[in-house]
């Protein structure tokens, strides 16, 4: 299988090639290894050398034989060391899979590597002292977003069609926007992560994946969604068939569009225009479109996110052998300091803030079926724009700087609604993501509208300069 042939297929397409016998799973894996070597040499998206052999996986799952990557954001797969992108963690080896990882294996995904993250997964730029800078295949001088930046860079470059990602404040949607991908943050509770993964972060961290097509996201959600059943994967999840929603008629929807962040952050006009064009496209399709957004207490959102950062840092403070702060970057040290000083009253105040923000967002979605916003406030940032190792930052000032870059995503980590970033804009040779948010539990609406927009405003023929399918 040639690289240019491999790279033009999404995950469902590769699966179908294998099922039809046109190629073997072994041929696909061999090609994926070549693709990863070629792409990683330019974008620096792998945290470890490619796995040899691939991790164990089912031979008969719905994605049997499809190449896949997991993220270095904590204990994910049995036997695969994680560092959270930090020099202070030597590479801790989990003794078991998370439940989500067990579902990835059961789906037949062929896990070939571990992807880069910023330290402690607390940045919208995948730049760390441990791994260096992960580069954007659209422009190697630009960032890939964070924290699923290594995953985004390698999927966008055609090395794999799909990769594991997680989202604590926008870390699926932000890299999707920067790299021209589909990034779904599911509803709170849609995907179980297990007691030693995202569910520990006060319900504000979510796990799923980055893909290049809407149908891949829908089929993968079918494969891994469902409630938890313990530390080990022992039964298939319920089958909701989100794949059937792709192409289904959404009916006439009440769509709100806003390009005004709740924090008052300034938005680049090119980014705002992309969201407005989506609003016009939906209006032409017969939906009722108005300019509106939820009433949001920005201070309450920030208070909630500080508590999430404390929860991340607290996991390091509770281990028997704590990491050396001197080997950590500046904002990580601030997070550890705040975690040590955080009180039970602080936590109660954060829960109260989360409740107030969640209720206001919920009220908004009783009157609107969808909300359309930009994903980011600007184009993908040049490397070094976000300075995680800046000793002048406090934890609060750091979160405010993230809000200045990605002010539209954080809210829905606090409130739990599903949100998807789609690569519906393009400016100065760079992708521009548009975020679409639905009421709690309504991923079906997101897939219906996303599939319509994928047809009406297609992106499949846009590939970055760094792409393994490019023949020169």
Protein backbone atom coordinates (compact mmCIF):
# COMPACT_ATOMS: atom_id res chain seq x y z
CA UNK A 1 0.00 0.00 0.00
CA UNK A 2 1.47 3.36 -1.04
CA UNK A 3 1.51 6.30 1.35
CA UNK A 4 -0.59 8.48 -0.95
CA UNK A 5 -3.21 5.73 -1.16
CA UNK A 6 -3.25 5.14 2.60
CA UNK A 7 -3.51 8.82 3.52
CA UNK A 8 -6.61 9.52 1.43
CA UNK A 9 -8.79 7.16 3.50
CA UNK A 10 -10.46 7.89 6.79
CA UNK A 11 -10.79 5.20 9.47
CA UNK A 12 -14.07 3.80 8.10
CA UNK A 13 -12.53 3.73 4.63
CA UNK A 14 -9.48 1.78 5.81
CA UNK A 15 -11.67 -0.61 7.74
CA UNK A 16 -13.75 -1.25 4.63
CA UNK A 17 -10.64 -1.87 2.52
CA UNK A 18 -9.51 -4.51 5.01
CA UNK A 19 -12.95 -6.12 5.19
CA UNK A 20 -13.18 -6.32 1.40
CA UNK A 21 -9.78 -8.01 1.18
CA UNK A 22 -8.28 -5.26 -1.00
CA UNK A 23 -5.52 -4.89 1.59
CA UNK A 24 -4.55 -6.81 4.71
CA UNK A 25 -4.36 -5.38 8.19
CA UNK A 26 -0.64 -6.14 8.14
CA UNK A 27 -0.15 -4.08 4.98
CA UNK A 28 -2.02 -1.17 6.52
CA UNK A 29 0.04 -1.34 9.71
CA UNK A 30 3.31 -1.42 7.77
CA UNK A 31 2.23 1.64 5.78
CA UNK A 32 1.12 3.45 8.93
CA UNK A 33 4.55 2.89 10.46
CA UNK A 34 6.19 4.49 7.43
CA UNK A 35 3.69 7.35 7.55
CA UNK A 36 4.36 7.97 11.24
CA UNK A 37 8.11 8.07 10.71
CA UNK A 38 7.78 10.53 7.83
CA UNK A 39 5.27 12.84 9.55
CA UNK A 40 6.86 12.79 12.99
CA UNK A 41 10.22 13.83 11.56
CA UNK A 42 8.60 17.16 10.67
CA UNK A 43 5.90 17.76 13.29
CA UNK A 44 7.38 16.09 16.42
CA UNK A 45 4.11 14.55 17.57
CA UNK A 46 5.31 11.26 19.10
CA UNK A 47 6.27 11.09 22.77
CA UNK A 48 7.96 7.68 22.40
CA UNK A 49 9.28 5.60 19.52
CA UNK A 50 6.57 3.76 17.60
CA UNK A 51 5.47 0.64 19.50
CA UNK A 52 6.97 -2.64 18.38
CA UNK A 53 4.77 -4.63 18.30
CA UNK A 54 1.46 -2.75 18.31
CA UNK A 55 -0.64 -3.08 21.46
CA UNK A 56 -2.97 -6.08 21.63
CA UNK A 57 -6.37 -5.54 20.03
CA UNK A 58 -9.41 -7.47 18.87
CA UNK A 59 -9.30 -8.88 15.37
CA UNK A 60 -13.06 -8.55 14.79
CA UNK A 61 -14.00 -5.12 16.19
CA UNK A 62 -15.71 -2.37 14.18
CA UNK A 63 -12.32 -0.71 13.53
CA UNK A 64 -10.25 -3.87 13.19
CA UNK A 65 -6.90 -3.06 11.63
CA UNK A 66 -7.21 0.76 11.76
CA UNK A 67 -4.02 2.52 12.97
CA UNK A 68 -4.41 4.55 16.18
CA UNK A 69 -2.45 6.56 18.75
CA UNK A 70 -3.01 7.24 22.45
CA UNK A 71 -2.23 10.41 24.39
CA UNK A 72 0.36 10.94 27.15
CA UNK A 73 -2.12 12.47 29.57
CA UNK A 74 -1.97 9.89 32.34
CA UNK A 75 -2.35 6.15 32.82
CA UNK A 76 -4.07 4.89 29.66
CA UNK A 77 -2.74 1.51 28.54
CA UNK A 78 -1.27 -1.31 30.59
CA UNK A 79 2.51 -1.32 30.24
CA UNK A 80 2.79 2.02 28.39
CA UNK A 81 4.71 4.58 30.49
CA UNK A 82 3.28 8.07 30.85
CA UNK A 83 4.92 11.35 31.88
CA UNK A 84 2.22 14.02 31.44
CA UNK A 85 4.81 15.82 29.33
CA UNK A 86 6.95 16.52 32.42
CA UNK A 87 10.64 16.01 33.07
CA UNK A 88 9.70 15.42 36.72
CA UNK A 89 7.90 12.15 35.93
CA UNK A 90 10.29 9.39 34.85
CA UNK A 91 7.69 7.35 33.00
CA UNK A 92 5.16 5.66 35.24
CA UNK A 93 3.95 2.29 33.96
CA UNK A 94 0.23 1.56 34.53
CA UNK A 95 -0.68 -1.92 35.70
CA UNK A 96 -3.98 -1.99 33.81
CA UNK A 97 -5.93 -0.30 31.02
CA UNK A 98 -8.43 2.43 31.61
CA UNK A 99 -11.87 1.27 30.63
CA UNK A 100 -11.81 3.52 27.58
CA UNK A 101 -8.53 1.96 26.46
CA UNK A 102 -10.10 -1.47 26.83
CA UNK A 103 -12.89 -0.29 24.53
CA UNK A 104 -10.37 1.02 22.01
CA UNK A 105 -8.76 -2.43 22.01
CA UNK A 106 -12.13 -4.16 21.70
CA UNK A 107 -12.94 -1.93 18.71
CA UNK A 108 -9.91 -3.40 16.97
CA UNK A 109 -7.87 -0.19 16.83
CA UNK A 110 -4.18 -0.87 16.26
CA UNK A 111 -2.36 1.34 18.77
CA UNK A 112 1.07 2.25 17.43
CA UNK A 113 2.28 5.11 19.60
CA UNK A 114 1.96 7.76 22.30
CA UNK A 115 1.43 11.43 21.42
CA UNK A 116 2.95 14.61 22.86
CA UNK A 117 1.26 16.96 25.32
CA UNK A 118 2.19 20.13 27.21
CA UNK A 119 3.23 19.60 30.82
CA UNK A 120 0.36 18.41 33.03
CA UNK A 121 -1.96 19.01 30.06
CA UNK A 122 -2.56 22.59 31.16
CA UNK A 123 -1.90 24.58 27.99
CA UNK A 124 -3.38 25.39 24.59
CA UNK A 125 0.12 25.02 23.11
CA UNK A 126 1.86 21.65 22.82
CA UNK A 127 5.27 22.95 23.78
CA UNK A 128 7.12 21.39 26.71
CA UNK A 129 10.65 21.27 28.01
CA UNK A 130 10.40 17.47 27.94
CA UNK A 131 9.29 16.99 24.32
CA UNK A 132 10.07 20.30 22.69
CA UNK A 133 7.68 21.96 20.24
CA UNK A 134 5.06 20.06 18.27
CA UNK A 135 4.65 21.77 14.89
CA UNK A 136 1.59 22.42 12.78
CA UNK A 137 1.57 20.59 9.40
CA UNK A 138 -0.19 23.62 7.87
CA UNK A 139 2.70 25.90 8.85
CA UNK A 140 5.64 24.55 10.83
CA UNK A 141 6.10 27.94 12.52
CA UNK A 142 2.61 27.75 14.07
CA UNK A 143 1.30 25.87 17.07
CA UNK A 144 -1.02 22.89 17.04
CA UNK A 145 -3.03 23.95 20.07
CA UNK A 146 -3.22 21.76 23.12
CA UNK A 147 -3.34 19.58 24.95
CA UNK A 148 -4.01 16.92 22.31
CA UNK A 149 -1.49 18.60 20.03
CA UNK A 150 0.64 15.60 19.10
CA UNK A 151 -2.48 13.67 18.17
CA UNK A 152 -3.79 16.55 16.07
CA UNK A 153 -0.51 17.10 14.22
CA UNK A 154 -0.19 13.44 13.24
CA UNK A 155 -3.82 12.99 12.18
CA UNK A 156 -3.70 16.22 10.15
CA UNK A 157 -0.45 15.08 8.50
CA UNK A 158 -2.12 11.83 7.39
CA UNK A 159 -0.02 9.54 9.59
CA UNK A 160 -3.11 7.95 11.18
CA UNK A 161 -6.80 8.59 10.48
CA UNK A 162 -7.83 8.83 14.15
CA UNK A 163 -6.15 9.37 17.52
CA UNK A 164 -7.12 9.45 21.18
CA UNK A 165 -7.65 12.93 22.63
CA UNK A 166 -8.93 14.51 25.83
CA UNK A 167 -10.49 17.85 26.66
CA UNK A 168 -10.30 19.66 30.01
CA UNK A 169 -10.92 23.19 28.74
CA UNK A 170 -10.98 22.75 24.97
CA UNK A 171 -8.12 20.33 24.38
CA UNK A 172 -9.93 18.31 21.70
CA UNK A 173 -11.59 21.28 19.99
CA UNK A 174 -8.62 23.69 20.11
CA UNK A 175 -6.16 21.33 18.33
CA UNK A 176 -8.94 20.40 15.89
CA UNK A 177 -9.29 24.08 15.01
CA UNK A 178 -5.54 24.64 14.69
CA UNK A 179 -4.98 21.57 12.51
CA UNK A 180 -8.14 21.43 10.40
CA UNK A 181 -9.79 18.40 12.02
CA UNK A 182 -13.07 17.22 13.49
CA UNK A 183 -12.96 17.42 17.28
CA UNK A 184 -15.92 16.23 19.34
CA UNK A 185 -16.14 16.78 23.08
CA UNK A 186 -18.99 14.47 24.12
CA UNK A 187 -21.60 15.16 26.78
CA UNK A 188 -20.54 14.67 30.37
CA UNK A 189 -20.85 10.96 31.15
CA UNK A 190 -21.22 9.86 27.52
CA UNK A 191 -17.83 8.13 27.65
CA UNK A 192 -16.56 6.53 30.81
CA UNK A 193 -12.89 6.97 31.54
CA UNK A 194 -12.54 5.01 34.76
CA UNK A 195 -11.58 6.08 38.28
CA UNK A 196 -7.94 6.80 37.36
CA UNK A 197 -8.61 9.02 34.33
CA UNK A 198 -10.65 12.06 33.31
CA UNK A 199 -13.66 11.46 35.54
CA UNK A 200 -11.52 12.42 38.53
CA UNK A 201 -11.24 16.02 37.32
CA UNK A 202 -14.51 17.15 38.91
CA UNK A 203 -16.48 16.11 35.85
CA UNK A 204 -14.86 18.75 33.63
CA UNK A 205 -12.41 16.55 31.69
CA UNK A 206 -13.63 14.47 28.76
CA UNK A 207 -12.03 11.86 26.52
CA UNK A 208 -12.63 10.88 22.93
CA UNK A 209 -10.63 11.35 19.72
CA UNK A 210 -9.59 13.54 16.79
CA UNK A 211 -10.66 12.55 13.27
CA UNK A 212 -10.64 13.94 9.75
CA UNK A 213 -14.29 13.12 8.96
CA UNK A 214 -17.62 13.38 10.74
CA UNK A 215 -18.50 9.76 10.03
CA UNK A 216 -15.35 8.53 11.76
CA UNK A 217 -16.33 10.44 14.91
CA UNK A 218 -19.84 8.99 14.82
CA UNK A 219 -18.71 5.39 14.24
CA UNK A 220 -16.08 5.66 16.97
CA UNK A 221 -18.57 7.08 19.46
CA UNK A 222 -20.79 4.09 18.74
CA UNK A 223 -17.86 1.81 19.55
CA UNK A 224 -16.79 3.34 22.87
CA UNK A 225 -19.69 5.23 24.44
CA UNK A 226 -21.65 3.99 27.42
CA UNK A 227 -21.59 3.88 31.22
CA UNK A 228 -18.75 2.44 33.25
CA UNK A 229 -18.77 -1.18 34.36
CA UNK A 230 -15.67 -1.35 36.53
CA UNK A 231 -11.93 -1.16 36.06
CA UNK A 232 -11.88 -3.83 33.36
CA UNK A 233 -13.84 -3.95 30.14
CA UNK A 234 -16.13 -6.97 30.41
CA UNK A 235 -19.20 -6.25 28.27
CA UNK A 236 -20.02 -4.29 25.12
CA UNK A 237 -21.44 -0.79 25.56
CA UNK A 238 -25.03 -0.06 24.48
CA UNK A 239 -25.44 0.60 20.77
CA UNK A 240 -27.00 4.00 20.08
CA UNK A 241 -25.96 4.08 16.40
CA UNK A 242 -24.73 7.63 16.12
CA UNK A 243 -23.47 6.56 12.70
CA UNK A 244 -27.11 6.51 11.58
CA UNK A 245 -27.39 10.20 12.43
CA UNK A 246 -24.81 11.11 9.78
CA UNK A 247 -26.90 12.33 6.85
CA UNK A 248 -30.19 12.20 8.78
CA UNK A 249 -32.61 15.12 8.48
CA UNK A 250 -32.19 17.40 11.52
CA UNK A 251 -35.52 19.11 10.96
CA UNK A 252 -35.84 22.88 11.31
CA UNK A 253 -33.66 23.95 14.23
CA UNK A 254 -33.38 27.09 16.34
CA UNK A 255 -29.76 28.14 15.88
CA UNK A 256 -28.01 30.85 17.87
CA UNK A 257 -24.79 32.40 16.60
CA UNK A 258 -22.37 34.51 18.60
CA UNK A 259 -18.84 35.75 18.01
CA UNK A 260 -18.70 37.63 21.32
CA UNK A 261 -16.77 35.81 24.11
CA UNK A 262 -18.23 35.93 27.59
CA UNK A 263 -14.95 37.30 28.93
CA UNK A 264 -14.88 40.20 26.48
CA UNK A 265 -11.78 38.88 24.67
CA UNK A 266 -11.19 40.44 21.25
CA UNK A 267 -11.82 38.08 18.31
CA UNK A 268 -9.91 38.18 15.01
CA UNK A 269 -12.29 39.23 12.24
CA UNK A 270 -11.24 36.33 9.99
CA UNK A 271 -12.20 33.87 12.73
CA UNK A 272 -15.50 35.60 13.46
CA UNK A 273 -16.35 35.62 9.75
CA UNK A 274 -16.01 31.82 9.58
CA UNK A 275 -18.65 31.38 12.30
CA UNK A 276 -20.95 33.93 10.66
CA UNK A 277 -20.66 32.13 7.32
CA UNK A 278 -21.77 28.93 9.01
CA UNK A 279 -24.76 30.78 10.43
CA UNK A 280 -25.69 32.02 6.95
CA UNK A 281 -25.30 28.50 5.52
CA UNK A 282 -27.66 27.10 8.16
CA UNK A 283 -30.15 29.89 7.50
CA UNK A 284 -30.09 29.08 3.77
CA UNK A 285 -30.77 25.45 4.70
CA UNK A 286 -34.02 26.52 6.36
CA UNK A 287 -33.04 26.80 10.02
CA UNK A 288 -34.14 29.71 12.20
CA UNK A 289 -30.91 31.59 12.95
CA UNK A 290 -30.57 34.43 15.45
CA UNK A 291 -27.69 36.24 17.12
CA UNK A 292 -27.63 35.12 20.76
CA UNK A 293 -25.47 33.51 23.42
CA UNK A 294 -25.92 32.24 26.98
CA UNK A 295 -25.60 34.63 29.89
CA UNK A 296 -22.35 33.55 31.55
CA UNK A 297 -20.63 34.60 34.76
CA UNK A 298 -17.03 34.56 33.52
CA UNK A 299 -15.60 34.74 37.05
CA UNK A 300 -17.57 31.59 37.97
CA UNK A 301 -16.17 29.79 34.93
CA UNK A 302 -12.63 30.71 35.98
CA UNK A 303 -13.27 29.59 39.57
CA UNK A 304 -14.46 26.23 38.26
CA UNK A 305 -11.38 25.82 36.06
CA UNK A 306 -9.03 26.65 38.93
CA UNK A 307 -10.64 23.78 40.83
CA UNK A 308 -10.07 21.46 37.86
CA UNK A 309 -6.38 22.46 37.76
CA UNK A 310 -6.16 21.81 41.49
CA UNK A 311 -7.62 18.34 40.95
CA UNK A 312 -4.93 17.62 38.34
CA UNK A 313 -2.13 18.87 40.59
CA UNK A 314 -3.54 17.11 43.65
CA UNK A 315 -3.07 13.71 42.00
CA UNK A 316 0.68 14.42 42.03
CA UNK A 317 0.59 15.51 45.66
CA UNK A 318 -1.11 12.27 46.74
CA UNK A 319 1.42 9.83 45.26
CA UNK A 320 3.99 8.23 47.59
CA UNK A 321 6.93 9.69 45.65
CA UNK A 322 6.13 13.25 44.67
CA UNK A 323 7.76 14.82 41.60
CA UNK A 324 10.54 17.37 42.06
CA UNK A 325 9.04 20.85 41.46
CA UNK A 326 12.47 22.08 40.34
CA UNK A 327 12.12 19.86 37.27
CA UNK A 328 8.68 21.23 36.43
CA UNK A 329 7.71 24.29 34.41
CA UNK A 330 6.59 27.53 36.05
CA UNK A 331 2.80 27.19 35.75
CA UNK A 332 2.98 23.58 36.95
CA UNK A 333 4.73 24.79 40.08
CA UNK A 334 1.99 27.38 40.55
CA UNK A 335 -0.67 24.68 40.21
CA UNK A 336 1.06 22.57 42.87
CA UNK A 337 1.27 25.58 45.20
CA UNK A 338 -2.42 26.41 44.79
CA UNK A 339 -3.36 22.76 45.31
CA UNK A 340 -1.47 22.66 48.62
CA UNK A 341 -3.26 25.79 49.84
CA UNK A 342 -6.72 24.90 48.53
CA UNK A 343 -9.35 24.35 51.24
CA UNK A 344 -12.61 22.49 51.50
CA UNK A 345 -14.42 25.84 51.45
CA UNK A 346 -12.64 26.73 48.22
CA UNK A 347 -13.87 23.49 46.70
CA UNK A 348 -17.46 24.12 47.83
CA UNK A 349 -17.30 27.59 46.29
CA UNK A 350 -16.07 26.05 43.04
CA UNK A 351 -18.92 23.52 43.01
CA UNK A 352 -21.37 26.36 43.60
CA UNK A 353 -19.85 28.32 40.70
CA UNK A 354 -20.03 25.27 38.45
CA UNK A 355 -23.68 24.75 39.37
CA UNK A 356 -24.61 28.37 38.63
CA UNK A 357 -22.87 28.36 35.25
CA UNK A 358 -24.35 24.99 34.31
CA UNK A 359 -27.88 26.13 35.12
CA UNK A 360 -27.54 29.30 33.04
CA UNK A 361 -26.26 27.33 30.03
CA UNK A 362 -29.02 24.77 30.47
CA UNK A 363 -31.63 27.53 30.43
CA UNK A 364 -30.19 28.87 27.18
CA UNK A 365 -30.61 25.50 25.49
CA UNK A 366 -34.29 25.31 26.38
CA UNK A 367 -34.77 28.10 23.82
CA UNK A 368 -32.12 27.11 21.27
CA UNK A 369 -31.26 23.78 19.64
CA UNK A 370 -27.71 24.73 18.65
CA UNK A 371 -25.13 27.39 19.39
CA UNK A 372 -22.51 28.35 16.78
CA UNK A 373 -19.30 30.14 17.84
CA UNK A 374 -15.71 30.36 16.66
CA UNK A 375 -13.57 27.68 18.29
CA UNK A 376 -10.63 30.04 18.89
CA UNK A 377 -10.37 33.81 19.05
CA UNK A 378 -7.54 33.89 16.52
CA UNK A 379 -5.58 31.90 13.99
CA UNK A 380 -3.14 29.21 15.19
CA UNK A 381 -0.55 31.04 17.26
CA UNK A 382 3.17 31.22 16.46
CA UNK A 383 5.33 29.06 18.71
CA UNK A 384 6.11 30.69 22.03
CA UNK A 385 2.99 32.87 22.15
CA UNK A 386 1.71 31.06 25.22
CA UNK A 387 4.55 30.99 27.76
CA UNK A 388 3.89 28.10 30.14
CA UNK A 389 7.32 28.38 31.73
CA UNK A 390 6.94 32.10 32.49
CA UNK A 391 7.60 32.61 36.23
CA UNK A 392 5.49 35.79 36.23
CA UNK A 393 2.30 33.77 35.77
CA UNK A 394 -0.06 32.88 38.60
CA UNK A 395 -2.45 30.01 37.98
CA UNK A 396 -5.30 32.51 37.53
CA UNK A 397 -3.35 34.72 35.13
CA UNK A 398 -2.41 31.63 33.15
CA UNK A 399 -6.05 30.59 32.78
CA UNK A 400 -6.91 34.13 31.69
CA UNK A 401 -4.21 33.95 29.02
CA UNK A 402 -5.74 30.71 27.75
CA UNK A 403 -9.11 32.42 27.68
CA UNK A 404 -7.58 35.14 25.52
CA UNK A 405 -6.72 32.51 22.92
CA UNK A 406 -9.64 30.08 23.26
CA UNK A 407 -12.50 31.87 25.05
CA UNK A 408 -15.37 29.85 23.58
CA UNK A 409 -14.50 26.29 24.62
CA UNK A 410 -13.98 26.35 28.40
CA UNK A 411 -17.61 27.04 29.29
CA UNK A 412 -18.85 23.70 27.99
CA UNK A 413 -16.32 21.73 30.01
CA UNK A 414 -17.92 23.29 33.07
CA UNK A 415 -21.51 22.79 31.91
CA UNK A 416 -21.31 19.38 30.20
CA UNK A 417 -23.01 20.02 26.84
CA UNK A 418 -21.55 18.25 23.77
CA UNK A 419 -19.55 20.48 21.43
CA UNK A 420 -17.76 19.86 18.15
CA UNK A 421 -15.17 21.87 16.24
CA UNK A 422 -15.34 21.59 12.45
CA UNK A 423 -12.73 22.92 9.98
CA UNK A 424 -15.19 25.19 8.16
CA UNK A 425 -12.93 28.18 7.60
CA UNK A 426 -9.53 28.90 6.09
CA UNK A 427 -7.45 32.08 6.24
CA UNK A 428 -3.83 32.88 5.36
CA UNK A 429 -3.19 29.23 4.57
CA UNK A 430 -4.37 28.13 8.04
CA UNK A 431 -7.51 26.27 9.13
CA UNK A 432 -10.20 28.00 11.15
CA UNK A 433 -12.48 25.92 13.36
CA UNK A 434 -16.12 26.66 14.09
CA UNK A 435 -17.64 25.27 17.28
CA UNK A 436 -21.19 23.93 17.38
CA UNK A 437 -22.78 23.17 20.76
CA UNK A 438 -25.98 21.20 21.42
CA UNK A 439 -28.13 20.63 24.50
CA UNK A 440 -26.94 18.03 26.98
CA UNK A 441 -27.01 14.53 25.53
CA UNK A 442 -27.79 15.64 21.96
CA UNK A 443 -24.77 14.38 20.04
CA UNK A 444 -27.32 13.19 17.50
CA UNK A 445 -28.06 16.82 16.55
CA UNK A 446 -24.36 17.60 16.28
CA UNK A 447 -23.77 14.70 13.90
CA UNK A 448 -26.75 15.62 11.71
CA UNK A 449 -25.68 19.25 11.37
CA UNK A 450 -21.96 18.43 11.12
CA UNK A 451 -22.62 15.99 8.28
CA UNK A 452 -24.72 18.59 6.47
CA UNK A 453 -21.96 21.20 6.80
CA UNK A 454 -19.34 18.68 5.70
CA UNK A 455 -21.26 18.43 2.43
CA UNK A 456 -22.20 22.10 2.11
CA UNK A 457 -18.80 23.53 3.09
CA UNK A 458 -16.43 20.61 2.35
CA UNK A 459 -12.90 20.39 3.68
CA UNK A 460 -11.86 16.91 2.49
CA UNK A 461 -9.79 18.21 -0.42
CA UNK A 462 -7.80 20.63 1.76
CA UNK A 463 -4.58 19.04 2.98
CA UNK A 464 -1.62 20.70 4.69
CA UNK A 465 1.80 21.12 3.06
CA UNK A 466 3.15 18.49 5.45
CA UNK A 467 1.03 15.48 4.50
CA UNK A 468 2.22 11.95 3.89
CA UNK A 469 -0.10 11.60 0.92
CA UNK A 470 1.58 14.44 -0.98
CA UNK A 471 3.62 13.15 -3.93
CA UNK A 472 6.53 15.30 -5.01
